[in-house]
Amino acid sequence: MYCVCKEHVELAIDKFVDEYEDAPDLVNLGETSFRAWTPPERCEWCDGPAEILIV
């Protein structure tokens, strides 16, 4: 699972496919809320805002 900015979506998809050998689902963090989990505010690879959840 990766929380990334729009700039790093392709990198996160590539890493996910390499690790799990399956296509991920992409979730827009601006349009989705979670009851038991608070997504990080920053991208895993830069200081940009985390906008997409790759799972």
PDB file of N, CA and C in Angstrom:
ATOM      1  N   MET A   1       0.847  -1.166   0.000  1.00  0.00           N
ATOM      2  CA  MET A   1       0.000   0.000   0.000  1.00  0.00           C
ATOM      3  C   MET A   1       0.896   1.234   0.000  1.00  0.00           C
ATOM      4  N   TYR A   2       0.580   2.170  -0.859  1.00  0.00           N
ATOM      5  CA  TYR A   2       1.352   3.404  -0.958  1.00  0.00           C
ATOM      6  C   TYR A   2       0.399   4.593  -0.981  1.00  0.00           C
ATOM      7  N   CYS A   3       0.745   5.641  -0.291  1.00  0.00           N
ATOM      8  CA  CYS A   3       0.032   6.912  -0.360  1.00  0.00           C
ATOM      9  C   CYS A   3       0.975   7.899  -1.024  1.00  0.00           C
ATOM     10  N   VAL A   4       0.581   8.380  -2.187  1.00  0.00           N
ATOM     11  CA  VAL A   4       1.500   9.191  -2.983  1.00  0.00           C
ATOM     12  C   VAL A   4       0.813  10.423  -3.567  1.00  0.00           C
ATOM     13  N   CYS A   5       1.644  11.364  -4.018  1.00  0.00           N
ATOM     14  CA  CYS A   5       1.148  12.524  -4.748  1.00  0.00           C
ATOM     15  C   CYS A   5       0.897  12.092  -6.198  1.00  0.00           C
ATOM     16  N   LYS A   6       0.263  12.948  -6.959  1.00  0.00           N
ATOM     17  CA  LYS A   6      -0.041  12.610  -8.354  1.00  0.00           C
ATOM     18  C   LYS A   6       1.230  12.392  -9.173  1.00  0.00           C
ATOM     19  N   GLU A   7       2.289  13.060  -8.808  1.00  0.00           N
ATOM     20  CA  GLU A   7       3.555  12.944  -9.528  1.00  0.00           C
ATOM     21  C   GLU A   7       4.173  11.546  -9.407  1.00  0.00           C
ATOM     22  N   HIS A   8       3.929  10.860  -8.299  1.00  0.00           N
ATOM     23  CA  HIS A   8       4.552   9.567  -8.046  1.00  0.00           C
ATOM     24  C   HIS A   8       3.611   8.370  -8.222  1.00  0.00           C
ATOM     25  N   VAL A   9       2.461   8.574  -8.838  1.00  0.00           N
ATOM     26  CA  VAL A   9       1.501   7.482  -9.028  1.00  0.00           C
ATOM     27  C   VAL A   9       2.105   6.364  -9.872  1.00  0.00           C
ATOM     28  N   GLU A  10       2.739   6.704 -10.985  1.00  0.00           N
ATOM     29  CA  GLU A  10       3.307   5.673 -11.856  1.00  0.00           C
ATOM     30  C   GLU A  10       4.384   4.866 -11.142  1.00  0.00           C
ATOM     31  N   LEU A  11       5.231   5.514 -10.376  1.00  0.00           N
ATOM     32  CA  LEU A  11       6.264   4.817  -9.614  1.00  0.00           C
ATOM     33  C   LEU A  11       5.626   3.852  -8.614  1.00  0.00           C
ATOM     34  N   ALA A  12       4.596   4.294  -7.911  1.00  0.00           N
ATOM     35  CA  ALA A  12       3.925   3.443  -6.924  1.00  0.00           C
ATOM     36  C   ALA A  12       3.244   2.252  -7.597  1.00  0.00           C
ATOM     37  N   ILE A  13       2.625   2.472  -8.748  1.00  0.00           N
ATOM     38  CA  ILE A  13       1.995   1.363  -9.480  1.00  0.00           C
ATOM     39  C   ILE A  13       3.051   0.346  -9.886  1.00  0.00           C
ATOM     40  N   ASP A  14       4.178   0.821 -10.430  1.00  0.00           N
ATOM     41  CA  ASP A  14       5.259  -0.089 -10.836  1.00  0.00           C
ATOM     42  C   ASP A  14       5.773  -0.900  -9.656  1.00  0.00           C
ATOM     43  N   LYS A  15       5.988  -0.261  -8.524  1.00  0.00           N
ATOM     44  CA  LYS A  15       6.470  -0.975  -7.335  1.00  0.00           C
ATOM     45  C   LYS A  15       5.436  -1.987  -6.853  1.00  0.00           C
ATOM     46  N   PHE A  16       4.162  -1.608  -6.865  1.00  0.00           N
ATOM     47  CA  PHE A  16       3.098  -2.510  -6.435  1.00  0.00           C
ATOM     48  C   PHE A  16       3.059  -3.751  -7.331  1.00  0.00           C
ATOM     49  N   VAL A  17       3.105  -3.553  -8.642  1.00  0.00           N
ATOM     50  CA  VAL A  17       3.059  -4.673  -9.589  1.00  0.00           C
ATOM     51  C   VAL A  17       4.287  -5.565  -9.420  1.00  0.00           C
ATOM     52  N   ASP A  18       5.456  -4.974  -9.234  1.00  0.00           N
ATOM     53  CA  ASP A  18       6.665  -5.767  -9.011  1.00  0.00           C
ATOM     54  C   ASP A  18       6.548  -6.617  -7.744  1.00  0.00           C
ATOM     55  N   GLU A  19       5.974  -6.053  -6.700  1.00  0.00           N
ATOM     56  CA  GLU A  19       5.888  -6.746  -5.414  1.00  0.00           C
ATOM     57  C   GLU A  19       4.775  -7.791  -5.377  1.00  0.00           C
ATOM     58  N   TYR A  20       3.593  -7.455  -5.900  1.00  0.00           N
ATOM     59  CA  TYR A  20       2.430  -8.329  -5.753  1.00  0.00           C
ATOM     60  C   TYR A  20       2.032  -9.053  -7.042  1.00  0.00           C
ATOM     61  N   GLU A  21       2.654  -8.702  -8.160  1.00  0.00           N
ATOM     62  CA  GLU A  21       2.362  -9.302  -9.467  1.00  0.00           C
ATOM     63  C   GLU A  21       0.874  -9.237  -9.803  1.00  0.00           C
ATOM     64  N   ASP A  22       0.256  -8.124  -9.466  1.00  0.00           N
ATOM     65  CA  ASP A  22      -1.162  -7.890  -9.723  1.00  0.00           C
ATOM     66  C   ASP A  22      -1.373  -6.388  -9.876  1.00  0.00           C
ATOM     67  N   ALA A  23      -2.432  -6.018 -10.570  1.00  0.00           N
ATOM     68  CA  ALA A  23      -2.736  -4.600 -10.751  1.00  0.00           C
ATOM     69  C   ALA A  23      -3.367  -4.034  -9.475  1.00  0.00           C
ATOM     70  N   PRO A  24      -2.961  -2.849  -9.069  1.00  0.00           N
ATOM     71  CA  PRO A  24      -3.519  -2.252  -7.842  1.00  0.00           C
ATOM     72  C   PRO A  24      -4.826  -1.521  -8.111  1.00  0.00           C
ATOM     73  N   ASP A  25      -5.517  -1.221  -7.040  1.00  0.00           N
ATOM     74  CA  ASP A  25      -6.651  -0.307  -7.087  1.00  0.00           C
ATOM     75  C   ASP A  25      -6.133   1.068  -6.686  1.00  0.00           C
ATOM     76  N   LEU A  26      -6.661   2.098  -7.302  1.00  0.00           N
ATOM     77  CA  LEU A  26      -6.288   3.468  -6.979  1.00  0.00           C
ATOM     78  C   LEU A  26      -7.483   4.154  -6.329  1.00  0.00           C
ATOM     79  N   VAL A  27      -7.246   4.790  -5.188  1.00  0.00           N
ATOM     80  CA  VAL A  27      -8.303   5.469  -4.453  1.00  0.00           C
ATOM     81  C   VAL A  27      -7.911   6.932  -4.287  1.00  0.00           C
ATOM     82  N   ASN A  28      -8.801   7.820  -4.675  1.00  0.00           N
ATOM     83  CA  ASN A  28      -8.571   9.247  -4.508  1.00  0.00           C
ATOM     84  C   ASN A  28      -8.824   9.596  -3.047  1.00  0.00           C
ATOM     85  N   LEU A  29      -7.787  10.005  -2.337  1.00  0.00           N
ATOM     86  CA  LEU A  29      -7.917  10.295  -0.914  1.00  0.00           C
ATOM     87  C   LEU A  29      -8.760  11.537  -0.638  1.00  0.00           C
ATOM     88  N   GLY A  30      -8.923  12.399  -1.621  1.00  0.00           N
ATOM     89  CA  GLY A  30      -9.751  13.585  -1.448  1.00  0.00           C
ATOM     90  C   GLY A  30     -11.242  13.283  -1.504  1.00  0.00           C
ATOM     91  N   GLU A  31     -11.603  12.133  -2.056  1.00  0.00           N
ATOM     92  CA  GLU A  31     -13.010  11.770  -2.224  1.00  0.00           C
ATOM     93  C   GLU A  31     -13.439  10.626  -1.311  1.00  0.00           C
ATOM     94  N   THR A  32     -12.515  10.107  -0.511  1.00  0.00           N
ATOM     95  CA  THR A  32     -12.794   8.931   0.307  1.00  0.00           C
ATOM     96  C   THR A  32     -12.425   9.201   1.759  1.00  0.00           C
ATOM     97  N   SER A  33     -13.220   8.681   2.665  1.00  0.00           N
ATOM     98  CA  SER A  33     -12.873   8.770   4.082  1.00  0.00           C
ATOM     99  C   SER A  33     -12.864   7.363   4.667  1.00  0.00           C
ATOM    100  N   PHE A  34     -12.101   7.179   5.720  1.00  0.00           N
ATOM    101  CA  PHE A  34     -11.950   5.880   6.363  1.00  0.00           C
ATOM    102  C   PHE A  34     -12.310   6.020   7.833  1.00  0.00           C
ATOM    103  N   ARG A  35     -12.943   5.012   8.383  1.00  0.00           N
ATOM    104  CA  ARG A  35     -13.326   5.050   9.796  1.00  0.00           C
ATOM    105  C   ARG A  35     -12.149   4.747  10.709  1.00  0.00           C
ATOM    106  N   ALA A  36     -11.393   3.707  10.393  1.00  0.00           N
ATOM    107  CA  ALA A  36     -10.376   3.208  11.327  1.00  0.00           C
ATOM    108  C   ALA A  36      -8.950   3.516  10.884  1.00  0.00           C
ATOM    109  N   TRP A  37      -8.776   4.389   9.893  1.00  0.00           N
ATOM    110  CA  TRP A  37      -7.433   4.673   9.394  1.00  0.00           C
ATOM    111  C   TRP A  37      -7.358   6.113   8.920  1.00  0.00           C
ATOM    112  N   THR A  38      -6.315   6.789   9.316  1.00  0.00           N
ATOM    113  CA  THR A  38      -6.072   8.149   8.852  1.00  0.00           C
ATOM    114  C   THR A  38      -4.888   8.108   7.891  1.00  0.00           C
ATOM    115  N   PRO A  39      -5.103   8.457   6.633  1.00  0.00           N
ATOM    116  CA  PRO A  39      -3.996   8.419   5.674  1.00  0.00           C
ATOM    117  C   PRO A  39      -2.940   9.468   6.001  1.00  0.00           C
ATOM    118  N   PRO A  40      -1.704   9.203   5.622  1.00  0.00           N
ATOM    119  CA  PRO A  40      -0.657  10.192   5.856  1.00  0.00           C
ATOM    120  C   PRO A  40      -0.926  11.457   5.036  1.00  0.00           C
ATOM    121  N   GLU A  41      -0.417  12.552   5.508  1.00  0.00           N
ATOM    122  CA  GLU A  41      -0.617  13.820   4.802  1.00  0.00           C
ATOM    123  C   GLU A  41       0.379  14.020   3.666  1.00  0.00           C
ATOM    124  N   ARG A  42       1.523  13.339   3.712  1.00  0.00           N
ATOM    125  CA  ARG A  42       2.592  13.544   2.738  1.00  0.00           C
ATOM    126  C   ARG A  42       2.848  12.284   1.909  1.00  0.00           C
ATOM    127  N   CYS A  43       3.285  12.496   0.699  1.00  0.00           N
ATOM    128  CA  CYS A  43       3.680  11.428  -0.222  1.00  0.00           C
ATOM    129  C   CYS A  43       4.838  10.624   0.383  1.00  0.00           C
ATOM    130  N   GLU A  44       4.882   9.343   0.068  1.00  0.00           N
ATOM    131  CA  GLU A  44       5.954   8.486   0.579  1.00  0.00           C
ATOM    132  C   GLU A  44       7.316   8.812  -0.019  1.00  0.00           C
ATOM    133  N   TRP A  45       7.347   9.491  -1.195  1.00  0.00           N
ATOM    134  CA  TRP A  45       8.613   9.764  -1.859  1.00  0.00           C
ATOM    135  C   TRP A  45       8.991  11.238  -1.939  1.00  0.00           C
ATOM    136  N   CYS A  46       8.118  12.122  -1.492  1.00  0.00           N
ATOM    137  CA  CYS A  46       8.464  13.545  -1.499  1.00  0.00           C
ATOM    138  C   CYS A  46       7.627  14.259  -0.440  1.00  0.00           C
ATOM    139  N   ASP A  47       7.735  15.559  -0.375  1.00  0.00           N
ATOM    140  CA  ASP A  47       6.973  16.337   0.603  1.00  0.00           C
ATOM    141  C   ASP A  47       5.624  16.802   0.073  1.00  0.00           C
ATOM    142  N   GLY A  48       5.257  16.333  -1.118  1.00  0.00           N
ATOM    143  CA  GLY A  48       3.972  16.711  -1.689  1.00  0.00           C
ATOM    144  C   GLY A  48       2.826  16.072  -0.925  1.00  0.00           C
ATOM    145  N   PRO A  49       1.619  16.595  -1.106  1.00  0.00           N
ATOM    146  CA  PRO A  49       0.470  16.021  -0.398  1.00  0.00           C
ATOM    147  C   PRO A  49       0.108  14.630  -0.942  1.00  0.00           C
ATOM    148  N   ALA A  50      -0.211  13.717  -0.046  1.00  0.00           N
ATOM    149  CA  ALA A  50      -0.656  12.375  -0.457  1.00  0.00           C
ATOM    150  C   ALA A  50      -2.083  12.506  -1.000  1.00  0.00           C
ATOM    151  N   GLU A  51      -2.256  12.195  -2.271  1.00  0.00           N
ATOM    152  CA  GLU A  51      -3.565  12.356  -2.925  1.00  0.00           C
ATOM    153  C   GLU A  51      -4.153  11.041  -3.382  1.00  0.00           C
ATOM    154  N   ILE A  52      -3.319  10.039  -3.611  1.00  0.00           N
ATOM    155  CA  ILE A  52      -3.773   8.763  -4.170  1.00  0.00           C
ATOM    156  C   ILE A  52      -3.286   7.619  -3.289  1.00  0.00           C
ATOM    157  N   LEU A  53      -4.192   6.698  -2.992  1.00  0.00           N
ATOM    158  CA  LEU A  53      -3.849   5.482  -2.264  1.00  0.00           C
ATOM    159  C   LEU A  53      -3.754   4.359  -3.280  1.00  0.00           C
ATOM    160  N   ILE A  54      -2.610   3.692  -3.312  1.00  0.00           N
ATOM    161  CA  ILE A  54      -2.385   2.551  -4.205  1.00  0.00           C
ATOM    162  C   ILE A  54      -2.482   1.302  -3.344  1.00  0.00           C
ATOM    163  N   VAL A  55      -3.464   0.465  -3.626  1.00  0.00           N
ATOM    164  CA  VAL A  55      -3.684  -0.725  -2.796  1.00  0.00           C
ATOM    165  C   VAL A  55      -4.130  -1.906  -3.639  1.00  0.00           C
TER     166      VAL A  55
END
